[in-house]
Amino acid sequence: MADKKTETKPEKIEREYVIPLRKKVKRAVRYKKTPKAIKTVKEFLARHFRITNRNLKNVRLDKLLNEFLWARGIKNPPHKVKVKAVKEGDIVRAELVDYPTKLKFKKARLERIAKAQEDVKDKKKASEKAVAKKEPEKSLEDKTQTTEDKKEEKEKKTSIVEAGEDRAKSEHKTEKHQTQAKTQKSKRPVRQAMQK
C-alpha cells in the first residue's frame, strides 16, 4: 500500500482580486445598486475561497471598503473594485487595496487613533503594576500609623460638624429674637397708614 500524504492546508490564505461589478449591478433596480454591489463582492469572495454553502455571513468587508462602495451613493456604485482578501479558518476578511486620497487620510487617522488607544492601555497597565509593587513594601508600622491618622481625621471632622451645629443654633436664636422685634415695629406703622 502506498502511504497517503496528508497535506496540511495553510491557516492563512491571502489573495488580491479585481472584482467586476458592472454586470450584476446593471441588472439591479436603481435604488438598490450599491447593496447589490456589496452582495456581489461577498458572493465573489465566497466562490473563490470555497466557503462551505457559500455562506455570505462568513465574508467580512472592511469599513473603508464599504465606504468606498457607498461613496457615490446608492444609485451609482463603482464598476470594479481591487480587493485584498485573507482567509482565516472559515472567515474571509476583505479590505481595499488602492485607496482614494479621501480614504487614505481617513485610514491614517484611524491608525493614529488605534495607536494612541494602545499607548493609553500600556501606560495604564504600567501604572497599575507600579501601584501593585508599592503596596507590598509598606510595613506594619506604616499601616498602624495610617489607621491612627484616619481616626484623627474622623475625630476632627466630627468636632467641626458639632461646632458648626452649635454655632448655627446660637445664630438661629439671635435671628429669631431680632426678627420678632422687626416684625412688631413694622406692623404698627402699616396699620396706622391703613387707618388714615
N, C-alpha and C. Protein backbone atom coordinates (compact mmCIF):
# COMPACT_ATOMS: atom_id res chain seq x y z
N MET A 1 0.83 -1.17 0.00
CA MET A 1 0.00 0.00 0.00
C MET A 1 0.88 1.24 0.00
N ALA A 2 0.45 2.20 -0.72
CA ALA A 2 1.19 3.45 -0.77
C ALA A 2 0.76 4.34 0.39
N ASP A 3 1.75 5.00 0.96
CA ASP A 3 1.44 5.91 2.07
C ASP A 3 0.75 7.17 1.52
N LYS A 4 -0.33 7.50 2.15
CA LYS A 4 -1.04 8.71 1.74
C LYS A 4 -0.42 9.90 2.45
N LYS A 5 -0.07 10.86 1.68
CA LYS A 5 0.48 12.08 2.26
C LYS A 5 -0.67 13.03 2.58
N THR A 6 -0.73 13.40 3.80
CA THR A 6 -1.76 14.36 4.19
C THR A 6 -1.20 15.76 4.03
N GLU A 7 -1.86 16.52 3.23
CA GLU A 7 -1.44 17.89 3.02
C GLU A 7 -2.11 18.78 4.06
N THR A 8 -1.31 19.55 4.72
CA THR A 8 -1.88 20.49 5.68
C THR A 8 -2.16 21.79 4.96
N LYS A 9 -3.39 22.23 5.09
CA LYS A 9 -3.77 23.48 4.44
C LYS A 9 -3.23 24.65 5.27
N PRO A 10 -2.72 25.66 4.60
CA PRO A 10 -2.25 26.82 5.35
C PRO A 10 -3.43 27.50 6.05
N GLU A 11 -3.16 27.97 7.23
CA GLU A 11 -4.23 28.58 8.01
C GLU A 11 -4.62 29.96 7.47
N LYS A 12 -3.67 30.63 6.84
CA LYS A 12 -3.92 31.97 6.35
C LYS A 12 -3.66 32.02 4.84
N ILE A 13 -4.67 32.36 4.08
CA ILE A 13 -4.53 32.46 2.63
C ILE A 13 -4.81 33.91 2.24
N GLU A 14 -3.86 34.52 1.51
CA GLU A 14 -4.01 35.90 1.07
C GLU A 14 -4.06 35.96 -0.44
N ARG A 15 -5.02 36.70 -0.96
CA ARG A 15 -5.14 36.87 -2.41
C ARG A 15 -5.64 38.28 -2.72
N GLU A 16 -5.30 38.72 -3.93
CA GLU A 16 -5.80 40.01 -4.42
C GLU A 16 -6.65 39.76 -5.65
N TYR A 17 -7.78 40.44 -5.72
CA TYR A 17 -8.69 40.29 -6.84
C TYR A 17 -9.16 41.66 -7.30
N VAL A 18 -9.43 41.75 -8.61
CA VAL A 18 -10.17 42.88 -9.15
C VAL A 18 -11.55 42.34 -9.45
N ILE A 19 -12.52 42.78 -8.69
CA ILE A 19 -13.87 42.23 -8.78
C ILE A 19 -14.72 43.11 -9.70
N PRO A 20 -15.24 42.54 -10.80
CA PRO A 20 -16.11 43.31 -11.69
C PRO A 20 -17.52 43.39 -11.10
N LEU A 21 -18.06 44.57 -11.08
CA LEU A 21 -19.39 44.76 -10.50
C LEU A 21 -20.42 45.21 -11.53
N ARG A 22 -19.97 45.67 -12.69
CA ARG A 22 -20.86 46.32 -13.65
C ARG A 22 -22.02 45.43 -14.10
N LYS A 23 -21.73 44.18 -14.46
CA LYS A 23 -22.78 43.29 -14.99
C LYS A 23 -23.91 43.07 -13.99
N LYS A 24 -23.53 42.73 -12.77
CA LYS A 24 -24.53 42.41 -11.75
C LYS A 24 -25.31 43.65 -11.33
N VAL A 25 -24.59 44.76 -11.19
CA VAL A 25 -25.23 45.99 -10.72
C VAL A 25 -26.15 46.56 -11.79
N LYS A 26 -25.81 46.32 -13.04
CA LYS A 26 -26.60 46.84 -14.16
C LYS A 26 -28.02 46.28 -14.12
N ARG A 27 -28.17 45.05 -13.68
CA ARG A 27 -29.49 44.40 -13.65
C ARG A 27 -30.35 44.85 -12.46
N ALA A 28 -29.71 45.41 -11.45
CA ALA A 28 -30.44 45.79 -10.23
C ALA A 28 -31.26 47.06 -10.45
N VAL A 29 -32.29 47.21 -9.65
CA VAL A 29 -33.11 48.42 -9.67
C VAL A 29 -32.23 49.59 -9.23
N ARG A 30 -32.54 50.78 -9.72
CA ARG A 30 -31.69 51.94 -9.49
C ARG A 30 -31.45 52.20 -8.01
N TYR A 31 -32.46 52.06 -7.18
CA TYR A 31 -32.31 52.38 -5.76
C TYR A 31 -31.77 51.24 -4.93
N LYS A 32 -31.30 50.15 -5.60
CA LYS A 32 -30.68 49.03 -4.88
C LYS A 32 -29.33 48.65 -5.46
N LYS A 33 -28.70 49.54 -6.22
CA LYS A 33 -27.47 49.19 -6.91
C LYS A 33 -26.29 48.96 -5.96
N THR A 34 -26.06 49.83 -5.00
CA THR A 34 -24.93 49.67 -4.09
C THR A 34 -25.08 48.45 -3.19
N PRO A 35 -26.27 48.19 -2.61
CA PRO A 35 -26.41 46.94 -1.85
C PRO A 35 -26.14 45.70 -2.71
N LYS A 36 -26.52 45.77 -3.99
CA LYS A 36 -26.25 44.65 -4.90
C LYS A 36 -24.75 44.53 -5.14
N ALA A 37 -24.04 45.65 -5.22
CA ALA A 37 -22.58 45.62 -5.40
C ALA A 37 -21.91 44.96 -4.20
N ILE A 38 -22.35 45.28 -3.01
CA ILE A 38 -21.78 44.68 -1.80
C ILE A 38 -22.03 43.18 -1.79
N LYS A 39 -23.25 42.79 -2.15
CA LYS A 39 -23.58 41.36 -2.20
C LYS A 39 -22.75 40.65 -3.26
N THR A 40 -22.50 41.32 -4.38
CA THR A 40 -21.68 40.74 -5.45
C THR A 40 -20.25 40.50 -4.97
N VAL A 41 -19.68 41.45 -4.24
CA VAL A 41 -18.32 41.29 -3.70
C VAL A 41 -18.27 40.08 -2.78
N LYS A 42 -19.26 39.97 -1.89
CA LYS A 42 -19.29 38.85 -0.95
C LYS A 42 -19.45 37.51 -1.68
N GLU A 43 -20.33 37.46 -2.68
CA GLU A 43 -20.51 36.21 -3.44
C GLU A 43 -19.24 35.82 -4.17
N PHE A 44 -18.56 36.80 -4.77
CA PHE A 44 -17.32 36.54 -5.49
C PHE A 44 -16.28 35.93 -4.56
N LEU A 45 -16.10 36.52 -3.40
CA LEU A 45 -15.11 36.02 -2.45
C LEU A 45 -15.51 34.65 -1.90
N ALA A 46 -16.78 34.44 -1.67
CA ALA A 46 -17.24 33.14 -1.16
C ALA A 46 -16.97 32.05 -2.20
N ARG A 47 -17.17 32.38 -3.45
CA ARG A 47 -16.95 31.40 -4.52
C ARG A 47 -15.46 31.10 -4.68
N HIS A 48 -14.61 32.13 -4.67
CA HIS A 48 -13.19 31.93 -4.92
C HIS A 48 -12.42 31.37 -3.73
N PHE A 49 -12.94 31.56 -2.53
CA PHE A 49 -12.29 30.98 -1.37
C PHE A 49 -12.95 29.68 -0.92
N ARG A 50 -13.90 29.21 -1.68
CA ARG A 50 -14.58 27.94 -1.44
C ARG A 50 -15.13 27.84 -0.02
N ILE A 51 -15.95 28.78 0.31
CA ILE A 51 -16.60 28.77 1.62
C ILE A 51 -17.76 27.79 1.56
N THR A 52 -17.91 26.99 2.61
CA THR A 52 -18.97 25.97 2.62
C THR A 52 -20.34 26.62 2.50
N ASN A 53 -21.13 26.05 1.62
CA ASN A 53 -22.50 26.52 1.35
C ASN A 53 -22.56 27.99 0.90
N ARG A 54 -21.43 28.52 0.53
CA ARG A 54 -21.33 29.91 0.09
C ARG A 54 -22.05 30.86 1.05
N ASN A 55 -21.75 30.66 2.32
CA ASN A 55 -22.36 31.45 3.39
C ASN A 55 -21.78 32.86 3.39
N LEU A 56 -22.60 33.86 3.08
CA LEU A 56 -22.13 35.23 2.98
C LEU A 56 -21.84 35.86 4.34
N LYS A 57 -22.33 35.24 5.41
CA LYS A 57 -22.05 35.77 6.75
C LYS A 57 -20.59 35.57 7.13
N ASN A 58 -19.93 34.63 6.47
CA ASN A 58 -18.51 34.37 6.76
C ASN A 58 -17.58 35.29 5.99
N VAL A 59 -18.12 36.13 5.13
CA VAL A 59 -17.31 37.10 4.38
C VAL A 59 -17.51 38.46 5.03
N ARG A 60 -16.42 39.06 5.51
CA ARG A 60 -16.48 40.34 6.21
C ARG A 60 -15.76 41.40 5.39
N LEU A 61 -16.43 42.52 5.17
CA LEU A 61 -15.83 43.62 4.42
C LEU A 61 -15.29 44.66 5.39
N ASP A 62 -14.17 45.25 5.02
CA ASP A 62 -13.54 46.29 5.83
C ASP A 62 -14.41 47.55 5.81
N LYS A 63 -14.29 48.35 6.85
CA LYS A 63 -15.06 49.58 6.97
C LYS A 63 -14.79 50.52 5.79
N LEU A 64 -13.52 50.64 5.41
CA LEU A 64 -13.15 51.55 4.33
C LEU A 64 -13.59 51.03 2.96
N LEU A 65 -13.61 49.72 2.79
CA LEU A 65 -14.12 49.14 1.54
C LEU A 65 -15.60 49.45 1.41
N ASN A 66 -16.33 49.31 2.48
CA ASN A 66 -17.75 49.63 2.49
C ASN A 66 -17.97 51.10 2.15
N GLU A 67 -17.16 51.98 2.74
CA GLU A 67 -17.29 53.41 2.44
C GLU A 67 -16.96 53.71 0.98
N PHE A 68 -15.98 53.00 0.43
CA PHE A 68 -15.62 53.19 -0.97
C PHE A 68 -16.79 52.82 -1.88
N LEU A 69 -17.48 51.73 -1.56
CA LEU A 69 -18.61 51.31 -2.38
C LEU A 69 -19.79 52.28 -2.25
N TRP A 70 -19.97 52.85 -1.06
CA TRP A 70 -21.09 53.75 -0.82
C TRP A 70 -20.76 55.22 -1.13
N ALA A 71 -19.52 55.52 -1.51
CA ALA A 71 -19.07 56.91 -1.67
C ALA A 71 -19.92 57.71 -2.66
N ARG A 72 -20.38 57.09 -3.72
CA ARG A 72 -21.13 57.82 -4.74
C ARG A 72 -22.64 57.62 -4.59
N GLY A 73 -23.05 57.08 -3.48
CA GLY A 73 -24.48 56.96 -3.21
C GLY A 73 -25.01 55.58 -3.53
N ILE A 74 -26.32 55.44 -3.37
CA ILE A 74 -26.96 54.14 -3.55
C ILE A 74 -27.20 53.82 -5.02
N LYS A 75 -27.26 54.85 -5.87
CA LYS A 75 -27.60 54.64 -7.27
C LYS A 75 -26.41 54.47 -8.20
N ASN A 76 -25.20 54.77 -7.72
CA ASN A 76 -24.05 54.80 -8.63
C ASN A 76 -22.79 54.21 -7.99
N PRO A 77 -22.73 52.90 -7.77
CA PRO A 77 -21.51 52.31 -7.20
C PRO A 77 -20.40 52.21 -8.25
N PRO A 78 -19.16 51.97 -7.84
CA PRO A 78 -18.07 51.83 -8.83
C PRO A 78 -18.26 50.57 -9.67
N HIS A 79 -17.64 50.55 -10.87
CA HIS A 79 -17.80 49.42 -11.78
C HIS A 79 -16.89 48.25 -11.44
N LYS A 80 -15.79 48.50 -10.73
CA LYS A 80 -14.90 47.42 -10.31
C LYS A 80 -14.16 47.85 -9.04
N VAL A 81 -13.70 46.85 -8.29
CA VAL A 81 -13.03 47.10 -7.02
C VAL A 81 -11.83 46.20 -6.92
N LYS A 82 -10.68 46.75 -6.48
CA LYS A 82 -9.50 45.94 -6.24
C LYS A 82 -9.43 45.65 -4.75
N VAL A 83 -9.46 44.34 -4.43
CA VAL A 83 -9.62 43.90 -3.05
C VAL A 83 -8.49 42.96 -2.66
N LYS A 84 -8.04 43.07 -1.41
CA LYS A 84 -7.10 42.10 -0.83
C LYS A 84 -7.89 41.31 0.20
N ALA A 85 -7.95 39.99 0.01
CA ALA A 85 -8.75 39.14 0.91
C ALA A 85 -7.84 38.16 1.64
N VAL A 86 -8.17 37.92 2.91
CA VAL A 86 -7.42 36.99 3.75
C VAL A 86 -8.40 36.01 4.34
N LYS A 87 -8.08 34.71 4.19
CA LYS A 87 -8.95 33.68 4.75
C LYS A 87 -8.28 33.08 5.98
N GLU A 88 -8.98 33.13 7.10
CA GLU A 88 -8.52 32.54 8.35
C GLU A 88 -9.62 31.58 8.82
N GLY A 89 -9.37 30.30 8.70
CA GLY A 89 -10.39 29.31 9.05
C GLY A 89 -11.52 29.38 8.04
N ASP A 90 -12.73 29.66 8.50
CA ASP A 90 -13.87 29.79 7.61
C ASP A 90 -14.20 31.24 7.28
N ILE A 91 -13.55 32.15 7.93
CA ILE A 91 -13.89 33.56 7.77
C ILE A 91 -12.93 34.23 6.79
N VAL A 92 -13.51 34.98 5.86
CA VAL A 92 -12.73 35.74 4.87
C VAL A 92 -12.91 37.21 5.17
N ARG A 93 -11.78 37.92 5.32
CA ARG A 93 -11.81 39.36 5.57
C ARG A 93 -11.26 40.08 4.34
N ALA A 94 -12.01 41.05 3.85
CA ALA A 94 -11.61 41.77 2.64
C ALA A 94 -11.37 43.24 2.97
N GLU A 95 -10.32 43.79 2.35
CA GLU A 95 -10.04 45.22 2.50
C GLU A 95 -9.63 45.80 1.16
N LEU A 96 -9.77 47.09 1.04
CA LEU A 96 -9.47 47.79 -0.20
C LEU A 96 -7.96 47.87 -0.41
N VAL A 97 -7.51 47.76 -1.68
CA VAL A 97 -6.08 47.83 -1.98
C VAL A 97 -5.68 49.26 -2.34
N ASP A 98 -6.32 49.82 -3.33
CA ASP A 98 -5.99 51.18 -3.79
C ASP A 98 -6.98 52.16 -3.17
N TYR A 99 -6.50 52.93 -2.20
CA TYR A 99 -7.36 53.88 -1.52
C TYR A 99 -7.38 55.20 -2.27
N PRO A 100 -8.54 55.80 -2.46
CA PRO A 100 -8.56 57.17 -2.98
C PRO A 100 -8.02 58.12 -1.90
N THR A 101 -7.66 59.33 -2.29
CA THR A 101 -6.99 60.25 -1.35
C THR A 101 -7.84 60.51 -0.11
N LYS A 102 -9.14 60.63 -0.27
CA LYS A 102 -10.01 60.91 0.87
C LYS A 102 -9.93 59.78 1.90
N LEU A 103 -9.94 58.55 1.42
CA LEU A 103 -9.90 57.41 2.33
C LEU A 103 -8.50 57.16 2.87
N LYS A 104 -7.45 57.59 2.15
CA LYS A 104 -6.09 57.44 2.66
C LYS A 104 -5.94 58.22 3.96
N PHE A 105 -6.43 59.45 3.96
CA PHE A 105 -6.33 60.28 5.15
C PHE A 105 -7.17 59.71 6.29
N LYS A 106 -8.33 59.19 5.94
CA LYS A 106 -9.19 58.60 6.97
C LYS A 106 -8.55 57.37 7.58
N LYS A 107 -7.92 56.55 6.74
CA LYS A 107 -7.24 55.34 7.23
C LYS A 107 -6.08 55.73 8.15
N ALA A 108 -5.31 56.74 7.75
CA ALA A 108 -4.19 57.19 8.56
C ALA A 108 -4.69 57.69 9.92
N ARG A 109 -5.81 58.43 9.92
CA ARG A 109 -6.37 58.94 11.17
C ARG A 109 -6.83 57.79 12.07
N LEU A 110 -7.49 56.79 11.48
CA LEU A 110 -7.94 55.64 12.26
C LEU A 110 -6.76 54.87 12.86
N GLU A 111 -5.67 54.75 12.10
CA GLU A 111 -4.48 54.07 12.61
C GLU A 111 -3.85 54.85 13.77
N ARG A 112 -3.82 56.19 13.64
CA ARG A 112 -3.27 57.01 14.72
C ARG A 112 -4.11 56.87 15.99
N ILE A 113 -5.41 56.86 15.83
CA ILE A 113 -6.30 56.72 16.98
C ILE A 113 -6.10 55.37 17.64
N ALA A 114 -6.00 54.31 16.83
CA ALA A 114 -5.78 52.98 17.39
C ALA A 114 -4.45 52.90 18.14
N LYS A 115 -3.43 53.52 17.58
CA LYS A 115 -2.11 53.52 18.23
C LYS A 115 -2.16 54.28 19.56
N ALA A 116 -2.85 55.41 19.56
CA ALA A 116 -2.98 56.20 20.78
C ALA A 116 -3.72 55.42 21.86
N GLN A 117 -4.76 54.69 21.47
CA GLN A 117 -5.51 53.88 22.44
C GLN A 117 -4.63 52.78 23.03
N GLU A 118 -3.80 52.16 22.19
CA GLU A 118 -2.89 51.13 22.69
C GLU A 118 -1.87 51.73 23.67
N ASP A 119 -1.37 52.93 23.35
CA ASP A 119 -0.42 53.60 24.25
C ASP A 119 -1.06 53.89 25.60
N VAL A 120 -2.30 54.33 25.58
CA VAL A 120 -3.00 54.62 26.83
C VAL A 120 -3.17 53.35 27.65
N LYS A 121 -3.53 52.25 26.99
CA LYS A 121 -3.68 50.97 27.69
C LYS A 121 -2.35 50.53 28.31
N ASP A 122 -1.27 50.68 27.54
CA ASP A 122 0.05 50.29 28.06
C ASP A 122 0.44 51.13 29.28
N LYS A 123 0.19 52.44 29.23
CA LYS A 123 0.50 53.31 30.36
C LYS A 123 -0.32 52.93 31.58
N LYS A 124 -1.59 52.60 31.33
CA LYS A 124 -2.47 52.22 32.43
C LYS A 124 -1.98 50.94 33.10
N LYS A 125 -1.59 49.96 32.29
CA LYS A 125 -1.07 48.71 32.83
C LYS A 125 0.21 48.95 33.62
N ALA A 126 1.08 49.81 33.08
CA ALA A 126 2.35 50.10 33.76
C ALA A 126 2.09 50.78 35.11
N SER A 127 1.15 51.70 35.14
CA SER A 127 0.86 52.38 36.41
C SER A 127 0.23 51.41 37.42
N GLU A 128 -0.61 50.50 36.94
CA GLU A 128 -1.20 49.50 37.83
C GLU A 128 -0.13 48.58 38.41
N LYS A 129 0.84 48.22 37.59
CA LYS A 129 1.94 47.38 38.07
C LYS A 129 2.78 48.12 39.11
N ALA A 130 3.01 49.41 38.86
CA ALA A 130 3.78 50.21 39.80
C ALA A 130 3.06 50.33 41.14
N VAL A 131 1.75 50.52 41.09
CA VAL A 131 0.97 50.61 42.32
C VAL A 131 0.99 49.27 43.05
N ALA A 132 0.89 48.18 42.30
CA ALA A 132 0.91 46.85 42.91
C ALA A 132 2.26 46.58 43.58
N LYS A 133 3.34 47.09 43.01
CA LYS A 133 4.67 46.90 43.60
C LYS A 133 4.83 47.73 44.86
N LYS A 134 4.24 48.92 44.92
CA LYS A 134 4.39 49.80 46.07
C LYS A 134 3.64 49.28 47.30
N GLU A 135 2.50 48.68 47.10
CA GLU A 135 1.67 48.21 48.22
C GLU A 135 2.38 47.19 49.11
N PRO A 136 3.03 46.15 48.59
CA PRO A 136 3.67 45.19 49.48
C PRO A 136 4.84 45.76 50.27
N GLU A 137 5.43 46.86 49.84
CA GLU A 137 6.59 47.44 50.51
C GLU A 137 6.22 48.06 51.86
N LYS A 138 4.96 48.39 52.08
CA LYS A 138 4.55 49.00 53.34
C LYS A 138 4.71 48.01 54.48
N SER A 139 5.23 48.50 55.58
CA SER A 139 5.41 47.63 56.75
C SER A 139 4.21 47.77 57.68
N LEU A 140 4.19 46.98 58.73
CA LEU A 140 3.09 47.00 59.68
C LEU A 140 3.02 48.34 60.41
N GLU A 141 4.17 48.94 60.69
CA GLU A 141 4.19 50.23 61.38
C GLU A 141 3.50 51.30 60.55
N ASP A 142 3.78 51.30 59.24
CA ASP A 142 3.16 52.27 58.36
C ASP A 142 1.65 52.10 58.36
N LYS A 143 1.20 50.85 58.35
CA LYS A 143 -0.24 50.59 58.33
C LYS A 143 -0.90 51.07 59.61
N THR A 144 -0.26 50.84 60.76
CA THR A 144 -0.85 51.29 62.02
C THR A 144 -0.87 52.81 62.09
N GLN A 145 0.16 53.47 61.53
CA GLN A 145 0.18 54.93 61.51
C GLN A 145 -0.95 55.46 60.63
N THR A 146 -1.16 54.82 59.52
CA THR A 146 -2.22 55.29 58.63
C THR A 146 -3.59 55.12 59.28
N THR A 147 -3.80 54.03 60.04
CA THR A 147 -5.09 53.85 60.70
C THR A 147 -5.27 54.90 61.80
N GLU A 148 -4.19 55.23 62.51
CA GLU A 148 -4.27 56.27 63.53
C GLU A 148 -4.57 57.63 62.90
N ASP A 149 -3.94 57.89 61.77
CA ASP A 149 -4.19 59.14 61.06
C ASP A 149 -5.65 59.22 60.63
N LYS A 150 -6.20 58.11 60.17
CA LYS A 150 -7.59 58.08 59.74
C LYS A 150 -8.52 58.36 60.91
N LYS A 151 -8.22 57.78 62.07
CA LYS A 151 -9.04 58.02 63.27
C LYS A 151 -9.02 59.50 63.66
N GLU A 152 -7.82 60.10 63.61
CA GLU A 152 -7.69 61.51 63.96
C GLU A 152 -8.50 62.39 63.00
N GLU A 153 -8.44 62.06 61.71
CA GLU A 153 -9.19 62.83 60.72
C GLU A 153 -10.68 62.72 60.98
N LYS A 154 -11.17 61.53 61.34
CA LYS A 154 -12.59 61.36 61.64
C LYS A 154 -13.00 62.20 62.84
N GLU A 155 -12.16 62.19 63.88
CA GLU A 155 -12.45 62.98 65.07
C GLU A 155 -12.50 64.47 64.75
N LYS A 156 -11.57 64.93 63.92
CA LYS A 156 -11.55 66.34 63.53
C LYS A 156 -12.83 66.70 62.77
N LYS A 157 -13.23 65.84 61.86
CA LYS A 157 -14.43 66.10 61.08
C LYS A 157 -15.66 66.18 61.98
N THR A 158 -15.78 65.23 62.91
CA THR A 158 -16.95 65.23 63.79
C THR A 158 -16.96 66.46 64.69
N SER A 159 -15.78 66.88 65.19
CA SER A 159 -15.73 68.07 66.04
C SER A 159 -16.08 69.32 65.24
N ILE A 160 -15.67 69.40 64.00
CA ILE A 160 -16.01 70.53 63.14
C ILE A 160 -17.51 70.58 62.90
N VAL A 161 -18.10 69.43 62.63
CA VAL A 161 -19.54 69.36 62.39
C VAL A 161 -20.30 69.79 63.65
N GLU A 162 -19.88 69.30 64.79
CA GLU A 162 -20.54 69.67 66.05
C GLU A 162 -20.42 71.17 66.32
N ALA A 163 -19.23 71.71 66.11
CA ALA A 163 -19.03 73.15 66.32
C ALA A 163 -19.92 73.95 65.38
N GLY A 164 -20.05 73.50 64.17
CA GLY A 164 -20.91 74.18 63.19
C GLY A 164 -22.36 74.15 63.63
N GLU A 165 -22.81 73.01 64.15
CA GLU A 165 -24.20 72.89 64.61
C GLU A 165 -24.45 73.83 65.78
N ASP A 166 -23.51 73.89 66.74
CA ASP A 166 -23.66 74.78 67.90
C ASP A 166 -23.75 76.24 67.45
N ARG A 167 -22.88 76.62 66.53
CA ARG A 167 -22.89 77.98 66.02
C ARG A 167 -24.20 78.29 65.31
N ALA A 168 -24.70 77.34 64.55
CA ALA A 168 -25.95 77.54 63.83
C ALA A 168 -27.10 77.73 64.80
N LYS A 169 -27.12 76.97 65.89
CA LYS A 169 -28.18 77.10 66.90
C LYS A 169 -28.14 78.49 67.54
N SER A 170 -26.96 78.94 67.91
CA SER A 170 -26.85 80.25 68.55
C SER A 170 -27.25 81.38 67.59
N GLU A 171 -26.85 81.27 66.32
CA GLU A 171 -27.23 82.27 65.32
C GLU A 171 -28.73 82.27 65.11
N HIS A 172 -29.31 81.10 65.13
CA HIS A 172 -30.75 80.98 64.92
C HIS A 172 -31.51 81.67 66.05
N LYS A 173 -31.03 81.48 67.27
CA LYS A 173 -31.68 82.12 68.41
C LYS A 173 -31.62 83.64 68.29
N THR A 174 -30.44 84.16 67.94
CA THR A 174 -30.31 85.62 67.83
C THR A 174 -31.17 86.16 66.70
N GLU A 175 -31.23 85.45 65.59
CA GLU A 175 -32.06 85.89 64.47
C GLU A 175 -33.52 85.86 64.85
N LYS A 176 -33.93 84.85 65.58
CA LYS A 176 -35.32 84.70 65.97
C LYS A 176 -35.77 85.91 66.81
N HIS A 177 -34.95 86.32 67.73
CA HIS A 177 -35.29 87.47 68.58
C HIS A 177 -35.28 88.76 67.77
N GLN A 178 -34.35 88.88 66.85
CA GLN A 178 -34.28 90.10 66.05
C GLN A 178 -35.47 90.20 65.09
N THR A 179 -35.85 89.10 64.47
CA THR A 179 -36.95 89.15 63.51
C THR A 179 -38.26 89.47 64.17
N GLN A 180 -38.48 88.97 65.40
CA GLN A 180 -39.72 89.28 66.10
C GLN A 180 -39.80 90.77 66.39
N ALA A 181 -38.70 91.35 66.79
CA ALA A 181 -38.69 92.78 67.09
C ALA A 181 -38.95 93.59 65.84
N LYS A 182 -38.38 93.19 64.71
CA LYS A 182 -38.58 93.92 63.45
C LYS A 182 -40.02 93.82 63.00
N THR A 183 -40.60 92.63 63.10
CA THR A 183 -41.97 92.45 62.62
C THR A 183 -42.94 93.25 63.46
N GLN A 184 -42.71 93.36 64.77
CA GLN A 184 -43.60 94.13 65.62
C GLN A 184 -43.52 95.61 65.28
N LYS A 185 -42.35 96.13 65.04
CA LYS A 185 -42.18 97.54 64.71
C LYS A 185 -42.78 97.84 63.35
N SER A 186 -42.57 96.92 62.41
CA SER A 186 -43.04 97.18 61.05
C SER A 186 -44.55 97.08 60.94
N LYS A 187 -45.20 96.31 61.79
CA LYS A 187 -46.65 96.15 61.69
C LYS A 187 -47.37 97.41 62.14
N ARG A 188 -46.90 98.10 63.12
CA ARG A 188 -47.59 99.26 63.66
C ARG A 188 -47.73 100.39 62.64
N PRO A 189 -46.64 100.77 61.95
CA PRO A 189 -46.82 101.87 61.01
C PRO A 189 -47.75 101.52 59.85
N VAL A 190 -47.77 100.26 59.44
CA VAL A 190 -48.61 99.87 58.32
C VAL A 190 -50.08 99.99 58.72
N ARG A 191 -50.42 99.58 59.93
CA ARG A 191 -51.81 99.68 60.39
C ARG A 191 -52.24 101.14 60.51
N GLN A 192 -51.34 101.93 60.99
CA GLN A 192 -51.67 103.34 61.14
C GLN A 192 -51.87 103.98 59.78
N ALA A 193 -51.06 103.53 58.80
CA ALA A 193 -51.19 104.10 57.44
C ALA A 193 -52.51 103.69 56.83
N MET A 194 -52.95 102.48 57.11
CA MET A 194 -54.20 101.99 56.54
C MET A 194 -55.41 102.73 57.15
N GLN A 195 -55.32 103.06 58.41
CA GLN A 195 -56.42 103.74 59.08
C GLN A 195 -56.57 105.16 58.59
N LYS A 196 -55.52 105.78 58.22
CA LYS A 196 -55.57 107.18 57.76
C LYS A 196 -56.12 107.24 56.41
